[in-house]
Structures are given as C-alpha cells and as structure tokens.
Amino acid sequence: MSSPSPSPNTAQACWTVAPGHAEIREETLPSLGDGEVRVRTLHTGVSRGTEGLVFRGEVPVSEAQRMRAPFQVGEFPGPVKYGYVNVGVVEAGPADLLGRTVFCLYPHQTVYQVPAHAVVPLPPGVPPARAVLAANLETAINALWDASPRLGDRIAVVGGGTLGLLVAWLAARLPGCEVQVIDTEAGRADVAAALGAGFALPGDARTEADLVVHTSGQGAGLATALRLAAFEATVLELSWYGNRAVPVPLGEAFHSQRLTLKSSQVGHVATPQRGRWSHRRRLELALSLLTDPVLDRLITHSAPFHELPQVLKHLAGPSATGTLCHRIDYPI
C-alpha cells in the first residue's frame, strides 16, 4: 500500500473584504511549480498612505488597474488581498535561494509561492525586520531622481511620515544640501535630527527652498509646500489622494515665482534613469542602503499577524498620527 499523500500547504492571508473591514482568511497553496519559490513570511509592513486608501475604499475607479499590487488578488473596493512589503525565508525552490532571506512585493500572508525572479535576496548587513522599509525607500529614491536636486540646495520636505523622512535622509547625504522636515507633529524633530535633517512646524519653516518635496497627503501641506518654494523652484508632489478632491492654491505668488509643480510615482522608474535602470535594480539599490541602524527609528510600532485587521483599522483612522512604519511580525 502506498503511503498517504502529504497534507496540502495552507496559508493565512489578510483581506480587505469591504471598505473599513479586514479579516484573516485561510487558503490552500497549489503544488510548487518549476521555477517557483515558496516563502515563509517573517515580516510585512503596512504602507499607511496607499493601504489606508485601499482599506477605506478610496481607490478611484479610473485608477483601479494602475493601482493593482503585483500579486494582488481580487478587485477594489473588495474583497481584495493587497500589500507589497513582504520579507521572508525561502523554504522550497531553486537550490541557490533555499534558506535565503528575501524581499518580495507580496501581500500580508503567512506563506506564499511566486516565480523565483520575483524575490530579491537581502544583502549582508540588512536585518529582516528593517527590510520592511525597502518599498518606501525605493519610492524616495525615485522621487529624488525625479527632482534632480543639486549640490548645495536648500531642500524642504513637507510631511514627516516614513516616506518624507526617508526622502530627507537621502537628501541630507548630498554634499552641501540643507534639509528641513516640516510637520505638524513636533515629536518628529528628534527623528529628523537623527537622520541628518532640521525640523520646523509649518509656521516656522524656512522659505526660499530650491526644492520642496511634499508627502503629507493633506491639502494644507501642499499649500505650505508652495509657500516655501523659491523663485523658479520645483515642488515635487509625492502624496496620492485617491478619490479625494484637494484644493491647490495656484493664486498668490505661484505664477510670479514661476514655480513648477511636478508629480512623482514609483510605478515607473523616473525618466532620467529609465533607459538604464530596471525596477529590480532600483529595489536592489534600496535594499543595499538599509544597512544604517539609524533607520530603525522609523519603525515605531509592531504587532503580530493575527492583529493586522485591527491595525489596518487603526492606521486608516485619525488617531494614528504618532505612527511611522508599522511592522507586522509572523509566527516562526
């Protein structure tokens, strides 16, 4: 008599089943295909801006296809399995990846299977728990490519969330640049200082900035960004508002200052680099920069996977202003 077949692999995943409501669902994984890897998740990260919009059901119909995550299942507004910050260990697949800790643009799920080329091994010196910053750092890299700052620029970053602070950290490493983070939360000053940047509340911010990067996700923040820009400066808009209408103050000095208001989005490699850089090369760069322990200051909260539905509800609401990156930890 032949021995019984092994039980199929099962996984648990977080789904937004309807706007404002998420739940953990169980699913069965198919047999591992040729050229695939099976990854057991160690950590995921919640992208507060985009995942908050998804959780609240604020993805515009016109953007539903462009806003799909690489391994999304389901459609907006739900049920949908969404997310793109996953760090785990390869437990089956090609020999050169077995046992490697990898990053993947995969949703919140305990174990999953993807083509081997979809995972990127973590470089030496990057702890798995810090690697959840990779997606935001990749966005920050793309933003500075779009903005093309110059040596010695005065740079203002309006919005001291995870993305804004990563932009400030990168910009502060440019020789001669003076970087100031502007946020309504005075508590961000210490983090900004640790990252090499100054800090100001909106009413005290330095004007005459050569470059302004806006990441607050609020119309008031965009108004502040325009106010801080110097003559013929660029205001780079990194916030994404979903289906919310946002007033843009294009009166006052906008025209006389000859300002440029420019969008940046990580879905495409920035134009100046696009002919030479792939998405994978850009992600590998982001991962390689995560060796600096100071970046742990940006991971302010963590929770076990089974609490993720409650975490999403909290982060999508008005009371999560003190949270930067919220890491989700998985059972070993």
Protein backbone atom coordinates (compact mmCIF):
# COMPACT_ATOMS: atom_id res chain seq x y z
CA MET A 1 0.00 0.00 0.00
CA SER A 2 1.38 3.39 -0.93
CA SER A 3 1.92 5.94 1.80
CA PRO A 4 -0.70 8.68 2.12
CA SER A 5 -0.08 11.95 0.28
CA PRO A 6 1.16 14.80 2.44
CA SER A 7 -1.39 17.35 3.51
CA PRO A 8 -1.58 20.36 1.20
CA ASN A 9 0.20 23.51 2.32
CA THR A 10 -2.12 26.06 3.83
CA ALA A 11 -1.62 29.76 4.37
CA GLN A 12 -3.40 32.60 6.09
CA ALA A 13 -3.78 35.97 4.39
CA CYS A 14 -5.29 39.32 5.28
CA TRP A 15 -8.13 40.52 3.03
CA THR A 16 -9.97 43.82 2.94
CA VAL A 17 -13.41 42.35 2.45
CA ALA A 18 -15.23 45.69 2.28
CA PRO A 19 -14.26 49.31 2.95
CA GLY A 20 -13.32 49.62 6.60
CA HIS A 21 -13.29 45.89 7.31
CA ALA A 22 -10.46 43.33 7.02
CA GLU A 23 -10.22 39.71 8.07
CA ILE A 24 -7.79 36.77 8.07
CA ARG A 25 -8.68 34.03 5.59
CA GLU A 26 -7.17 30.61 5.07
CA GLU A 27 -6.22 29.28 1.65
CA THR A 28 -4.55 26.23 0.16
CA LEU A 29 -1.36 26.59 -1.84
CA PRO A 30 -1.04 24.64 -5.09
CA SER A 31 1.89 22.37 -5.82
CA LEU A 32 5.11 24.29 -6.29
CA GLY A 33 5.73 24.87 -9.99
CA ASP A 34 9.00 24.81 -11.90
CA GLY A 35 10.97 27.97 -11.32
CA GLU A 36 8.93 28.96 -8.28
CA VAL A 37 9.87 29.54 -4.66
CA ARG A 38 7.84 29.02 -1.51
CA VAL A 39 8.48 31.74 1.05
CA ARG A 40 7.55 31.71 4.73
CA THR A 41 6.93 35.28 5.83
CA LEU A 42 8.88 36.83 8.70
CA HIS A 43 7.61 40.42 8.50
CA THR A 44 5.40 42.62 6.41
CA GLY A 45 4.98 46.37 6.55
CA VAL A 46 1.85 48.46 6.22
CA SER A 47 2.10 51.29 3.72
CA ARG A 48 -0.11 53.78 5.59
CA GLY A 49 -0.85 56.04 2.63
CA THR A 50 -1.78 53.58 -0.10
CA GLU A 51 -3.07 50.77 2.10
CA GLY A 52 -5.11 53.29 4.05
CA LEU A 53 -6.80 54.36 0.82
CA VAL A 54 -7.43 50.72 -0.11
CA PHE A 55 -8.82 49.93 3.34
CA ARG A 56 -11.15 52.94 3.26
CA GLY A 57 -12.31 52.11 -0.28
CA GLU A 58 -10.92 55.35 -1.76
CA VAL A 59 -9.20 53.98 -4.88
CA PRO A 60 -10.79 55.77 -7.88
CA VAL A 61 -12.38 53.51 -10.49
CA SER A 62 -10.23 55.21 -13.12
CA GLU A 63 -7.05 54.10 -11.30
CA ALA A 64 -8.10 50.59 -10.30
CA GLN A 65 -5.88 48.84 -12.84
CA ARG A 66 -2.87 51.10 -12.38
CA MET A 67 -3.09 50.72 -8.60
CA ARG A 68 -3.00 46.93 -8.62
CA ALA A 69 -0.23 45.48 -6.47
CA PRO A 70 2.00 42.93 -8.28
CA PHE A 71 0.41 39.90 -6.56
CA GLN A 72 -2.97 41.39 -5.68
CA VAL A 73 -5.96 39.05 -5.66
CA GLY A 74 -9.48 40.45 -6.02
CA GLU A 75 -10.69 43.86 -7.11
CA PHE A 76 -11.19 47.23 -5.45
CA PRO A 77 -13.02 48.06 -3.25
CA GLY A 78 -13.09 44.43 -2.10
CA PRO A 79 -12.76 41.67 -1.29
CA VAL A 80 -9.11 42.28 -2.13
CA LYS A 81 -5.79 40.87 -0.90
CA TYR A 82 -3.45 43.84 -1.10
CA GLY A 83 0.07 44.73 0.02
CA TYR A 84 3.62 44.93 -1.28
CA VAL A 85 6.07 44.84 1.64
CA ASN A 86 7.00 41.25 2.48
CA VAL A 87 10.20 39.82 3.97
CA GLY A 88 10.54 36.07 4.38
CA VAL A 89 12.72 32.96 4.10
CA VAL A 90 12.73 30.68 1.05
CA GLU A 91 11.83 27.18 2.20
CA ALA A 92 11.41 25.48 -1.21
CA GLY A 93 12.58 26.18 -4.73
CA PRO A 94 15.89 26.56 -6.59
CA ALA A 95 18.93 25.49 -4.59
CA ASP A 96 20.64 28.88 -4.82
CA LEU A 97 17.72 30.52 -2.99
CA LEU A 98 16.97 27.87 -0.35
CA GLY A 99 17.28 29.36 3.12
CA ARG A 100 17.84 32.89 1.81
CA THR A 101 16.01 35.82 3.36
CA VAL A 102 14.25 37.72 0.58
CA PHE A 103 12.09 40.75 -0.12
CA CYS A 104 9.01 40.45 -2.31
CA LEU A 105 6.20 42.78 -3.37
CA TYR A 106 3.64 40.38 -1.89
CA PRO A 107 0.58 40.99 0.33
CA HIS A 108 0.23 40.09 4.01
CA GLN A 109 0.29 36.26 4.02
CA THR A 110 1.99 33.63 6.19
CA VAL A 111 3.43 31.57 3.32
CA TYR A 112 3.23 32.09 -0.44
CA GLN A 113 4.58 30.95 -3.79
CA VAL A 114 5.88 33.17 -6.60
CA PRO A 115 8.28 32.89 -9.56
CA ALA A 116 11.85 32.89 -8.31
CA HIS A 117 12.65 36.10 -10.19
CA ALA A 118 10.04 37.95 -8.09
CA VAL A 119 12.12 37.75 -4.89
CA VAL A 120 15.25 39.77 -4.13
CA PRO A 121 17.72 38.40 -1.54
CA LEU A 122 18.61 40.75 1.28
CA PRO A 123 22.22 41.93 1.10
CA PRO A 124 24.58 41.26 4.03
CA GLY A 125 24.07 43.62 6.95
CA VAL A 126 20.36 44.24 6.38
CA PRO A 127 18.23 42.76 9.19
CA PRO A 128 14.90 41.27 8.03
CA ALA A 129 12.97 43.46 10.47
CA ARG A 130 14.46 46.63 8.91
CA ALA A 131 13.93 45.44 5.33
CA VAL A 132 10.22 46.35 5.58
CA LEU A 133 11.37 49.91 4.77
CA ALA A 134 12.52 48.88 1.29
CA ALA A 135 9.38 49.82 -0.63
CA ASN A 136 9.20 53.30 0.92
CA LEU A 137 12.92 53.81 0.37
CA GLU A 138 12.55 52.79 -3.26
CA THR A 139 9.84 55.45 -3.62
CA ALA A 140 12.14 58.02 -2.00
CA ILE A 141 14.97 57.13 -4.39
CA ASN A 142 12.65 57.51 -7.37
CA ALA A 143 11.45 60.87 -6.03
CA LEU A 144 14.97 62.29 -5.84
CA TRP A 145 15.68 61.00 -9.33
CA ASP A 146 12.58 62.89 -10.48
CA ALA A 147 13.52 66.01 -8.52
CA SER A 148 17.21 66.11 -9.57
CA PRO A 149 18.50 68.08 -6.54
CA ARG A 150 21.80 69.89 -6.95
CA LEU A 151 24.75 70.18 -4.61
CA GLY A 152 24.16 72.86 -2.01
CA ASP A 153 20.38 73.04 -2.50
CA ARG A 154 18.07 74.13 0.29
CA ILE A 155 15.53 71.31 0.39
CA ALA A 156 12.24 71.32 2.28
CA VAL A 157 10.34 68.09 2.91
CA VAL A 158 6.74 68.81 3.91
CA GLY A 159 5.36 65.79 5.74
CA GLY A 160 7.39 63.88 8.32
CA GLY A 161 5.93 60.42 7.79
CA THR A 162 8.01 57.39 6.82
CA LEU A 163 8.33 58.42 3.18
CA GLY A 164 9.11 62.05 3.90
CA LEU A 165 11.75 61.14 6.46
CA LEU A 166 13.40 58.72 4.03
CA VAL A 167 13.49 61.45 1.38
CA ALA A 168 15.07 63.77 3.95
CA TRP A 169 17.62 61.10 4.96
CA LEU A 170 18.73 60.62 1.34
CA ALA A 171 18.78 64.33 0.56
CA ALA A 172 20.80 65.13 3.70
CA ARG A 173 23.59 62.90 2.39
CA LEU A 174 24.08 65.15 -0.65
CA PRO A 175 27.12 67.42 -0.15
CA GLY A 176 26.23 70.93 0.90
CA CYS A 177 22.47 70.41 0.97
CA GLU A 178 20.47 71.85 3.85
CA VAL A 179 17.38 69.75 4.51
CA GLN A 180 14.44 70.72 6.69
CA VAL A 181 11.47 68.49 7.52
CA ILE A 182 8.20 70.34 8.09
CA ASP A 183 5.42 68.61 10.02
CA THR A 184 2.61 69.44 12.43
CA GLU A 185 3.90 66.81 14.90
CA ALA A 186 6.67 68.42 16.95
CA GLY A 187 7.75 64.96 18.10
CA ARG A 188 9.25 64.29 14.66
CA ALA A 189 12.08 66.73 15.37
CA ASP A 190 14.25 64.14 17.15
CA VAL A 191 13.87 61.60 14.34
CA ALA A 192 14.65 64.22 11.69
CA ALA A 193 17.78 65.23 13.59
CA ALA A 194 18.94 61.61 13.83
CA LEU A 195 18.58 61.37 10.06
CA GLY A 196 20.67 64.48 9.49
CA ALA A 197 17.87 66.96 8.79
CA GLY A 198 16.46 70.01 10.52
CA PHE A 199 12.85 70.35 11.59
CA ALA A 200 10.19 73.05 11.79
CA LEU A 201 6.49 73.38 12.39
CA PRO A 202 4.66 74.77 9.33
CA GLY A 203 4.51 78.32 10.68
CA ASP A 204 8.24 78.38 11.42
CA ALA A 205 9.56 76.73 8.25
CA ARG A 206 12.36 78.28 6.24
CA THR A 207 11.25 79.82 2.94
CA GLU A 208 13.21 80.21 -0.30
CA ALA A 209 13.72 76.46 -0.76
CA ASP A 210 15.37 75.38 -4.03
CA LEU A 211 13.38 72.15 -3.94
CA VAL A 212 10.27 71.21 -1.97
CA VAL A 213 9.07 67.62 -1.67
CA HIS A 214 5.50 67.17 -0.41
CA THR A 215 4.49 63.89 1.26
CA SER A 216 1.88 64.82 3.88
CA GLY A 217 -1.19 63.67 1.94
CA GLN A 218 -3.05 66.80 3.04
CA GLY A 219 -4.13 69.85 1.06
CA ALA A 220 -2.79 72.13 3.78
CA GLY A 221 0.62 70.51 3.37
CA LEU A 222 0.59 71.18 -0.36
CA ALA A 223 -0.25 74.84 0.33
CA THR A 224 2.72 75.00 2.71
CA ALA A 225 4.98 73.41 0.10
CA LEU A 226 4.06 76.02 -2.50
CA ARG A 227 4.61 78.81 0.03
CA LEU A 228 8.13 77.63 0.86
CA ALA A 229 9.38 77.40 -2.73
CA ALA A 230 11.88 79.95 -4.03
CA PHE A 231 11.82 81.63 -7.44
CA GLU A 232 11.60 79.04 -10.25
CA ALA A 233 11.85 76.19 -7.73
CA THR A 234 10.22 72.79 -8.12
CA VAL A 235 7.56 71.40 -5.79
CA LEU A 236 7.54 67.61 -6.14
CA GLU A 237 4.22 66.03 -5.16
CA LEU A 238 4.57 62.53 -3.71
CA SER A 239 1.19 62.39 -1.95
CA TRP A 240 -1.58 60.35 -3.52
CA TYR A 241 -5.09 61.38 -2.56
CA GLY A 242 -7.18 58.60 -4.09
CA ASN A 243 -10.66 59.88 -4.89
CA ARG A 244 -10.39 62.92 -2.60
CA ALA A 245 -10.50 66.35 -4.22
CA VAL A 246 -7.71 68.59 -2.93
CA PRO A 247 -7.65 72.38 -3.39
CA VAL A 248 -4.40 73.65 -4.89
CA PRO A 249 -3.60 77.33 -4.17
CA LEU A 250 -2.36 78.42 -7.58
CA GLY A 251 -3.04 82.09 -6.91
CA GLU A 252 -0.87 84.38 -4.78
CA ALA A 253 2.77 84.04 -5.85
CA PHE A 254 2.53 80.78 -7.79
CA HIS A 255 2.83 82.43 -11.22
CA SER A 256 5.12 85.32 -10.31
CA GLN A 257 7.50 82.86 -8.68
CA ARG A 258 7.37 80.72 -11.86
CA LEU A 259 7.04 77.55 -9.78
CA THR A 260 6.97 74.03 -11.19
CA LEU A 261 4.52 71.58 -9.59
CA LYS A 262 5.59 68.06 -10.59
CA SER A 263 4.24 64.62 -9.75
CA SER A 264 6.31 61.56 -8.88
CA GLN A 265 5.12 57.97 -8.57
CA VAL A 266 7.07 54.78 -8.05
CA GLY A 267 5.20 52.66 -10.62
CA HIS A 268 7.60 53.85 -13.34
CA VAL A 269 11.33 54.33 -12.99
CA ALA A 270 11.99 58.09 -13.05
CA THR A 271 12.56 59.47 -16.54
CA PRO A 272 16.25 60.42 -16.11
CA GLN A 273 17.12 56.81 -15.16
CA ARG A 274 14.58 54.81 -17.15
CA GLY A 275 16.86 53.94 -20.05
CA ARG A 276 19.35 52.18 -17.78
CA TRP A 277 17.54 51.13 -14.60
CA SER A 278 15.05 48.30 -14.18
CA HIS A 279 12.58 48.05 -11.31
CA ARG A 280 14.68 45.22 -9.86
CA ARG A 281 17.91 47.21 -9.98
CA ARG A 282 16.18 50.11 -8.21
CA LEU A 283 14.84 47.76 -5.49
CA GLU A 284 18.29 46.22 -5.06
CA LEU A 285 19.67 49.72 -4.53
CA ALA A 286 17.04 50.45 -1.88
CA LEU A 287 17.84 47.22 -0.03
CA SER A 288 21.58 47.94 -0.16
CA LEU A 289 21.05 51.27 1.62
CA LEU A 290 19.24 49.70 4.58
CA THR A 291 22.43 48.80 6.45
CA ASP A 292 22.25 52.02 8.51
CA PRO A 293 20.85 51.26 12.02
CA VAL A 294 19.51 54.82 12.35
CA LEU A 295 16.67 53.78 10.05
CA ASP A 296 15.26 51.61 12.84
CA ARG A 297 13.96 54.90 14.27
CA LEU A 298 11.34 54.86 11.52
CA ILE A 299 9.78 51.57 12.67
CA THR A 300 7.77 52.87 15.58
CA HIS A 301 5.23 50.07 16.05
CA SER A 302 4.87 46.33 15.58
CA ALA A 303 2.09 43.79 16.03
CA PRO A 304 1.57 40.06 15.45
CA PHE A 305 -0.05 38.98 12.21
CA HIS A 306 -3.36 37.97 13.80
CA GLU A 307 -3.88 41.59 14.90
CA LEU A 308 -3.45 43.01 11.37
CA PRO A 309 -7.18 43.66 10.71
CA GLN A 310 -7.32 45.83 13.83
CA VAL A 311 -4.02 47.51 12.91
CA LEU A 312 -5.36 48.45 9.47
CA LYS A 313 -8.48 49.93 11.02
CA HIS A 314 -6.40 51.97 13.45
CA LEU A 315 -3.93 53.22 10.82
CA ALA A 316 -6.72 54.27 8.47
CA GLY A 317 -8.27 56.47 11.15
CA PRO A 318 -7.36 59.89 12.58
CA SER A 319 -5.71 58.64 15.78
CA ALA A 320 -2.57 57.10 14.24
CA THR A 321 -0.60 60.32 13.80
CA GLY A 322 2.23 59.09 16.01
CA THR A 323 2.88 56.02 13.87
CA LEU A 324 5.60 55.93 11.23
CA CYS A 325 6.25 52.43 9.84
CA HIS A 326 4.08 49.73 11.45
CA ARG A 327 5.72 46.30 11.12
CA ILE A 328 3.74 43.06 11.24
CA ASP A 329 5.53 40.04 12.71
CA TYR A 330 4.71 36.44 11.76
CA PRO A 331 4.95 33.22 13.76
CA ILE A 332 8.13 31.26 13.08
